């Protein structure tokens, strides 16, 4: 049995996102996804809400004193009976299947419990204590279009991410077989490395260590970047690629699946250049992915090379942009990024 400091937390995080991914997949393949547009113009689906309920149920069961920063709340479910009833029916089916051990991660005891659990993710973040950052469906637009999305969960202890787990239901299990079986579960613990295995709970394939590609120059690499232009500056990233001598085409995908892809060697560099001077990255969009990349041999900073500061609340307000690369080329990439940012017309 592992004696690493956060072995139990890593295990619970893996099981929590694995169970939530069963639900998101079920809802994607159903006829009604219950999509609603939030005040910030972003979509939320039954998968987002149900995934949050299931993950928080696991955290409350295993670590009842921990705090949780989640993206969603139950307001729409309390207003609309049809969505609440439909979501509970999906959750109950996942729970009744029993594919993920309830004894370790608890259960949900009806519609009221479901909504109350969702609203447990209302902590504001901060610099001290044990705080989980949860995105139950990171990349909702990708989820809706059948593209990449992730169920992402990270544990921060005194503002440093110590554990991360992600389920990516649409990433291939084997990089060499992109049209083969889909669904991977990645996790990492600080100082203990990163691993992946199939997210299917019935799979007997053991977890295996993952590592970033051992490139010696950025010119050997390829970019992973956001699909949505509103999330990142594609034009600026193209200029940086030219400056670095990168000729391989960029791979565009939604969500923290980008972190997963470079951590396992399907791509090398993740750039998310700030789309505006006022935009603040959310901690739940980067906590899990950043530690998985770091434990796979990478470095994750903002566009100026500063470490990500997860202690400033729900957002990375002390940082602008995200740069994730193998450690061997991070300084080279940051130099090119700074030169691009310093252009007088920007």
Protein backbone atom coordinates (compact mmCIF):
# COMPACT_ATOMS: atom_id res chain seq x y z
CA UNK A 1 0.00 0.00 0.00
CA UNK A 2 1.32 3.43 -0.96
CA UNK A 3 2.75 5.61 1.80
CA UNK A 4 2.83 8.80 -0.26
CA UNK A 5 1.31 11.81 1.53
CA UNK A 6 -1.81 12.13 -0.61
CA UNK A 7 -2.35 8.57 -1.82
CA UNK A 8 -5.86 8.43 -0.37
CA UNK A 9 -6.84 11.77 -1.89
CA UNK A 10 -5.53 10.66 -5.28
CA UNK A 11 -7.52 7.43 -5.10
CA UNK A 12 -10.76 9.22 -4.16
CA UNK A 13 -10.23 11.85 -6.86
CA UNK A 14 -9.75 9.14 -9.48
CA UNK A 15 -12.91 7.32 -8.44
CA UNK A 16 -14.91 10.55 -8.26
CA UNK A 17 -14.09 11.74 -11.78
CA UNK A 18 -14.46 8.22 -13.12
CA UNK A 19 -18.00 7.94 -11.78
CA UNK A 20 -18.90 11.42 -13.02
CA UNK A 21 -17.62 10.50 -16.49
CA UNK A 22 -20.05 7.58 -16.59
CA UNK A 23 -22.84 10.10 -16.09
CA UNK A 24 -21.59 12.64 -18.64
CA UNK A 25 -21.27 9.91 -21.26
CA UNK A 26 -24.79 8.68 -20.48
CA UNK A 27 -26.22 12.18 -20.85
CA UNK A 28 -24.32 12.86 -24.07
CA UNK A 29 -25.89 9.75 -25.60
CA UNK A 30 -29.38 10.67 -24.39
CA UNK A 31 -31.88 12.72 -26.36
CA UNK A 32 -32.12 15.61 -23.87
CA UNK A 33 -28.99 17.33 -22.55
CA UNK A 34 -30.89 20.13 -20.79
CA UNK A 35 -28.69 22.93 -22.11
CA UNK A 36 -29.15 26.35 -20.51
CA UNK A 37 -27.21 29.55 -21.21
CA UNK A 38 -25.79 31.17 -18.08
CA UNK A 39 -25.43 34.90 -17.45
CA UNK A 40 -21.85 34.87 -18.75
CA UNK A 41 -23.17 33.43 -22.07
CA UNK A 42 -21.58 30.03 -21.45
CA UNK A 43 -23.69 26.86 -21.68
CA UNK A 44 -24.46 24.51 -18.81
CA UNK A 45 -25.96 21.05 -19.27
CA UNK A 46 -27.38 18.33 -17.08
CA UNK A 47 -23.95 16.69 -17.36
CA UNK A 48 -22.28 19.71 -15.70
CA UNK A 49 -24.77 19.70 -12.86
CA UNK A 50 -24.87 15.95 -12.33
CA UNK A 51 -21.11 15.61 -12.56
CA UNK A 52 -20.71 18.23 -9.85
CA UNK A 53 -23.19 16.42 -7.59
CA UNK A 54 -21.43 13.07 -7.97
CA UNK A 55 -17.91 14.42 -7.40
CA UNK A 56 -18.91 16.48 -4.38
CA UNK A 57 -20.74 13.45 -2.95
CA UNK A 58 -17.43 11.57 -3.07
CA UNK A 59 -15.47 14.42 -1.48
CA UNK A 60 -18.03 14.96 1.28
CA UNK A 61 -18.01 11.24 2.04
CA UNK A 62 -14.22 10.88 2.19
CA UNK A 63 -13.12 14.34 3.37
CA UNK A 64 -16.08 16.05 5.05
CA UNK A 65 -14.05 18.97 6.38
CA UNK A 66 -12.54 19.98 3.03
CA UNK A 67 -13.75 22.97 1.00
CA UNK A 68 -14.78 22.81 -2.65
CA UNK A 69 -14.72 25.45 -5.38
CA UNK A 70 -17.11 24.27 -8.09
CA UNK A 71 -18.29 25.94 -11.26
CA UNK A 72 -22.02 25.24 -11.00
CA UNK A 73 -25.01 25.77 -8.69
CA UNK A 74 -28.44 24.18 -8.49
CA UNK A 75 -30.57 27.24 -9.28
CA UNK A 76 -31.92 25.93 -12.60
CA UNK A 77 -32.83 22.56 -11.05
CA UNK A 78 -34.76 24.22 -8.24
CA UNK A 79 -36.77 26.18 -10.81
CA UNK A 80 -37.43 23.49 -13.42
CA UNK A 81 -38.96 20.22 -12.24
CA UNK A 82 -38.49 18.43 -15.56
CA UNK A 83 -34.72 19.00 -15.60
CA UNK A 84 -34.38 18.06 -11.94
CA UNK A 85 -36.35 14.85 -12.39
CA UNK A 86 -34.50 13.90 -15.56
CA UNK A 87 -31.09 14.50 -14.02
CA UNK A 88 -31.94 12.46 -10.94
CA UNK A 89 -33.07 9.55 -13.14
CA UNK A 90 -29.67 9.58 -14.90
CA UNK A 91 -27.74 9.80 -11.63
CA UNK A 92 -29.78 7.01 -10.06
CA UNK A 93 -29.01 4.73 -13.02
CA UNK A 94 -25.27 5.37 -12.62
CA UNK A 95 -25.47 4.72 -8.88
CA UNK A 96 -27.54 1.57 -9.33
CA UNK A 97 -24.99 0.14 -11.78
CA UNK A 98 -22.44 0.14 -8.96
CA UNK A 99 -19.42 0.16 -11.27
CA UNK A 100 -17.48 2.48 -8.94
CA UNK A 101 -17.26 1.43 -5.25
CA UNK A 102 -19.88 3.32 -3.26
CA UNK A 103 -18.25 2.29 0.01
CA UNK A 104 -15.29 4.54 -0.81
CA UNK A 105 -17.07 7.50 -2.40
CA UNK A 106 -20.57 7.50 -1.00
CA UNK A 107 -23.89 8.01 -2.73
CA UNK A 108 -26.66 10.56 -3.33
CA UNK A 109 -29.94 10.07 -1.50
CA UNK A 110 -32.49 11.72 -3.75
CA UNK A 111 -33.20 14.95 -5.59
CA UNK A 112 -32.88 17.27 -2.60
CA UNK A 113 -29.53 15.75 -1.63
CA UNK A 114 -28.41 16.08 -5.26
CA UNK A 115 -29.13 19.82 -5.32
CA UNK A 116 -27.64 20.45 -1.89
CA UNK A 117 -24.44 18.66 -2.94
CA UNK A 118 -24.12 20.80 -6.06
CA UNK A 119 -24.36 23.90 -3.89
CA UNK A 120 -21.56 22.63 -1.62
CA UNK A 121 -19.17 23.83 -4.32
CA UNK A 122 -19.61 27.44 -3.26
CA UNK A 123 -16.30 28.12 -1.51
CA UNK A 124 -14.44 31.20 -2.62
CA UNK A 125 -10.95 29.72 -2.65
CA UNK A 126 -8.01 31.19 -0.78
CA UNK A 127 -4.46 30.79 0.43
CA UNK A 128 -4.86 28.41 3.38
CA UNK A 129 -6.40 25.01 4.00
CA UNK A 130 -7.51 22.10 1.86
CA UNK A 131 -9.55 23.26 -1.13
CA UNK A 132 -10.70 21.17 -4.10
CA UNK A 133 -11.16 22.87 -7.49
CA UNK A 134 -13.77 21.10 -9.61
CA UNK A 135 -14.90 21.46 -13.20
CA UNK A 136 -17.49 18.72 -13.77
CA UNK A 137 -17.50 19.24 -17.54
CA UNK A 138 -14.52 21.30 -18.63
CA UNK A 139 -15.21 22.14 -22.24
CA UNK A 140 -19.00 22.08 -22.34
CA UNK A 141 -18.99 23.21 -25.98
CA UNK A 142 -16.70 20.31 -26.81
CA UNK A 143 -19.01 17.98 -24.92
CA UNK A 144 -22.02 19.22 -26.90
CA UNK A 145 -20.30 18.79 -30.26
CA UNK A 146 -18.94 15.34 -29.42
CA UNK A 147 -15.39 16.64 -29.12
CA UNK A 148 -12.97 16.76 -26.24
CA UNK A 149 -13.97 17.54 -22.68
CA UNK A 150 -12.75 16.57 -19.21
CA UNK A 151 -14.06 15.95 -15.73
CA UNK A 152 -11.31 17.69 -13.76
CA UNK A 153 -10.56 17.77 -10.04
CA UNK A 154 -7.57 19.19 -8.19
CA UNK A 155 -6.67 19.41 -4.50
CA UNK A 156 -4.89 22.53 -3.31
CA UNK A 157 -3.27 22.57 0.12
CA UNK A 158 -2.26 26.05 1.26
CA UNK A 159 -2.61 27.22 -2.36
CA UNK A 160 -0.32 24.58 -3.88
CA UNK A 161 -1.87 21.89 -6.04
CA UNK A 162 -0.98 18.51 -4.56
CA UNK A 163 -3.31 16.12 -6.41
CA UNK A 164 -5.03 16.16 -9.78
CA UNK A 165 -7.35 13.73 -11.54
CA UNK A 166 -9.03 13.98 -14.92
CA UNK A 167 -11.31 11.76 -16.93
CA UNK A 168 -11.21 12.49 -20.66
CA UNK A 169 -13.98 10.33 -22.18
CA UNK A 170 -13.17 11.09 -25.83
CA UNK A 171 -9.38 10.79 -25.86
CA UNK A 172 -8.12 7.50 -27.32
CA UNK A 173 -6.89 4.87 -24.88
CA UNK A 174 -3.88 4.19 -27.12
CA UNK A 175 -2.12 7.02 -28.94
CA UNK A 176 -1.23 4.63 -31.76
CA UNK A 177 -4.91 3.80 -32.27
CA UNK A 178 -6.76 7.13 -32.56
CA UNK A 179 -9.86 5.39 -33.91
CA UNK A 180 -9.83 2.69 -31.23
CA UNK A 181 -11.31 2.60 -27.74
CA UNK A 182 -11.92 5.99 -26.11
CA UNK A 183 -11.75 7.22 -22.53
CA UNK A 184 -8.73 7.74 -20.28
CA UNK A 185 -8.27 8.50 -16.60
CA UNK A 186 -5.18 10.49 -15.64
CA UNK A 187 -3.95 11.43 -12.20
CA UNK A 188 -0.94 12.85 -10.43
CA UNK A 189 0.36 13.48 -6.94
CA UNK A 190 3.12 16.00 -6.31
CA UNK A 191 6.44 14.21 -6.24
CA UNK A 192 4.87 10.87 -7.20
CA UNK A 193 4.54 11.13 -10.98
CA UNK A 194 1.58 11.04 -13.35
CA UNK A 195 -0.26 8.01 -14.70
CA UNK A 196 -3.03 7.07 -17.10
CA UNK A 197 -5.35 4.12 -17.58
CA UNK A 198 -8.67 3.51 -19.32
CA UNK A 199 -11.55 5.34 -17.66
CA UNK A 200 -13.85 2.35 -18.16
CA UNK A 201 -14.39 0.93 -14.65
CA UNK A 202 -14.59 -2.61 -16.05
CA UNK A 203 -11.12 -2.38 -17.62
CA UNK A 204 -8.38 -4.47 -16.03
CA UNK A 205 -5.58 -2.49 -17.69
CA UNK A 206 -3.31 -1.13 -14.92
CA UNK A 207 -2.23 2.49 -14.65
CA UNK A 208 1.03 3.30 -16.41
CA UNK A 209 3.39 6.26 -15.97
CA UNK A 210 3.18 9.02 -18.57
CA UNK A 211 5.89 11.41 -19.68
CA UNK A 212 6.10 14.40 -21.97
CA UNK A 213 8.01 14.02 -25.23
CA UNK A 214 11.79 14.45 -24.72
CA UNK A 215 12.31 17.31 -27.20
CA UNK A 216 15.47 19.40 -27.09
CA UNK A 217 14.16 22.32 -29.16
CA UNK A 218 10.72 23.88 -29.46
CA UNK A 219 11.04 23.58 -33.23
CA UNK A 220 10.63 19.81 -32.83
CA UNK A 221 7.28 20.22 -31.12
CA UNK A 222 3.67 20.95 -31.92
CA UNK A 223 1.06 23.15 -30.29
CA UNK A 224 -2.15 22.21 -28.55
CA UNK A 225 -4.49 25.18 -28.36
CA UNK A 226 -8.12 26.05 -27.69
CA UNK A 227 -10.83 25.55 -30.30
CA UNK A 228 -12.60 28.75 -29.28
CA UNK A 229 -10.83 31.91 -30.47
CA UNK A 230 -12.46 33.79 -27.59
CA UNK A 231 -10.45 31.69 -25.14
CA UNK A 232 -7.01 32.30 -26.61
CA UNK A 233 -5.22 34.42 -29.22
CA UNK A 234 -4.72 32.13 -32.21
CA UNK A 235 -3.04 34.90 -34.22
CA UNK A 236 -0.49 35.58 -31.51
CA UNK A 237 0.16 31.87 -31.05
CA UNK A 238 0.78 31.48 -34.79
CA UNK A 239 3.38 34.24 -34.61
CA UNK A 240 5.08 32.52 -31.67
CA UNK A 241 5.12 29.22 -33.55
CA UNK A 242 6.86 30.93 -36.48
CA UNK A 243 9.38 32.56 -34.16
CA UNK A 244 10.17 29.15 -32.61
CA UNK A 245 10.50 27.44 -36.00
CA UNK A 246 7.54 25.13 -35.40
CA UNK A 247 6.20 23.76 -38.67
CA UNK A 248 3.84 21.04 -37.46
CA UNK A 249 0.15 22.03 -37.58
CA UNK A 250 -1.51 22.97 -34.31
CA UNK A 251 -3.97 20.57 -32.72
CA UNK A 252 -7.06 22.36 -31.46
CA UNK A 253 -9.25 20.85 -28.78
CA UNK A 254 -11.45 21.97 -25.93
CA UNK A 255 -10.83 21.67 -22.20
CA UNK A 256 -7.99 20.35 -20.06
CA UNK A 257 -7.74 17.51 -22.55
CA UNK A 258 -4.93 19.72 -23.90
CA UNK A 259 -2.99 19.22 -20.67
CA UNK A 260 -3.69 15.48 -20.90
CA UNK A 261 -2.52 15.33 -24.51
CA UNK A 262 0.85 16.96 -23.94
CA UNK A 263 1.41 15.07 -20.67
CA UNK A 264 1.08 11.73 -22.49
CA UNK A 265 3.13 12.83 -25.51
CA UNK A 266 0.41 13.53 -28.06
CA UNK A 267 1.63 17.06 -28.64
CA UNK A 268 4.22 19.12 -26.82
CA UNK A 269 3.29 22.73 -26.07
CA UNK A 270 0.10 24.27 -24.71
CA UNK A 271 -0.21 28.01 -25.16
CA UNK A 272 -3.21 30.00 -23.98
CA UNK A 273 -2.39 33.61 -24.65
CA UNK A 274 -4.59 36.17 -22.88
CA UNK A 275 -7.58 37.09 -25.03
CA UNK A 276 -8.11 40.38 -23.17
CA UNK A 277 -6.41 42.46 -20.49
CA UNK A 278 -9.28 41.87 -18.07
CA UNK A 279 -9.91 38.13 -18.48
CA UNK A 280 -9.01 36.01 -15.45
CA UNK A 281 -8.47 32.25 -15.78
CA UNK A 282 -10.55 30.09 -13.44
CA UNK A 283 -8.71 27.84 -11.01
CA UNK A 284 -10.87 24.83 -11.90
CA UNK A 285 -9.71 25.11 -15.52
CA UNK A 286 -6.06 24.54 -14.61
CA UNK A 287 -5.58 22.91 -11.20
CA UNK A 288 -5.81 19.26 -12.27
CA UNK A 289 -4.16 19.67 -15.67
CA UNK A 290 -1.22 21.69 -14.42
CA UNK A 291 -0.04 19.13 -11.85
CA UNK A 292 -0.48 16.26 -14.30
CA UNK A 293 1.79 18.06 -16.78
CA UNK A 294 4.31 18.96 -14.07
CA UNK A 295 4.49 15.39 -12.80
CA UNK A 296 4.93 14.17 -16.39
CA UNK A 297 8.07 16.30 -16.73
CA UNK A 298 6.65 19.66 -17.72
CA UNK A 299 6.59 23.24 -16.49
CA UNK A 300 3.40 25.31 -16.28
CA UNK A 301 3.55 29.09 -15.82
CA UNK A 302 1.78 32.18 -17.05
CA UNK A 303 2.88 34.04 -20.18
CA UNK A 304 5.58 35.95 -18.29
CA UNK A 305 7.05 32.81 -16.74
CA UNK A 306 5.49 33.30 -13.28
CA UNK A 307 4.20 30.22 -11.43
CA UNK A 308 0.42 29.92 -11.32
CA UNK A 309 -0.94 31.33 -8.07
CA UNK A 310 -3.93 29.27 -6.91
CA UNK A 311 -4.35 31.22 -3.68
CA UNK A 312 -6.05 34.38 -4.95
CA UNK A 313 -9.65 33.10 -4.96
CA UNK A 314 -11.65 31.47 -7.73
CA UNK A 315 -9.46 32.92 -10.47
CA UNK A 316 -5.77 33.15 -11.31
CA UNK A 317 -5.99 36.91 -11.01
CA UNK A 318 -2.22 37.24 -10.42
CA UNK A 319 -1.47 35.55 -13.76
CA UNK A 320 -2.04 36.28 -17.45
CA UNK A 321 -2.02 33.49 -20.01
CA UNK A 322 -0.90 29.89 -19.65
CA UNK A 323 2.28 28.26 -20.99
CA UNK A 324 2.81 24.50 -20.52
CA UNK A 325 5.84 22.83 -22.06
CA UNK A 326 8.45 20.14 -21.43
CA UNK A 327 10.99 21.48 -18.93
CA UNK A 328 13.72 21.29 -21.57
CA UNK A 329 12.21 24.02 -23.77
CA UNK A 330 10.25 26.18 -21.36
CA UNK A 331 12.79 29.01 -21.22
CA UNK A 332 12.99 29.06 -25.03
CA UNK A 333 9.20 29.29 -25.36
CA UNK A 334 8.87 31.99 -22.67
CA UNK A 335 11.49 34.10 -24.47
CA UNK A 336 9.49 33.94 -27.70
CA UNK A 337 6.24 34.68 -25.88
CA UNK A 338 7.69 37.74 -24.15
CA UNK A 339 9.02 39.08 -27.45
CA UNK A 340 5.56 38.71 -28.97
CA UNK A 341 3.88 40.40 -26.02
CA UNK A 342 6.34 43.30 -26.17
CA UNK A 343 5.54 44.18 -29.76
CA UNK A 344 4.54 47.86 -29.82
CA UNK A 345 1.25 47.28 -31.65
CA UNK A 346 -0.11 44.91 -28.96
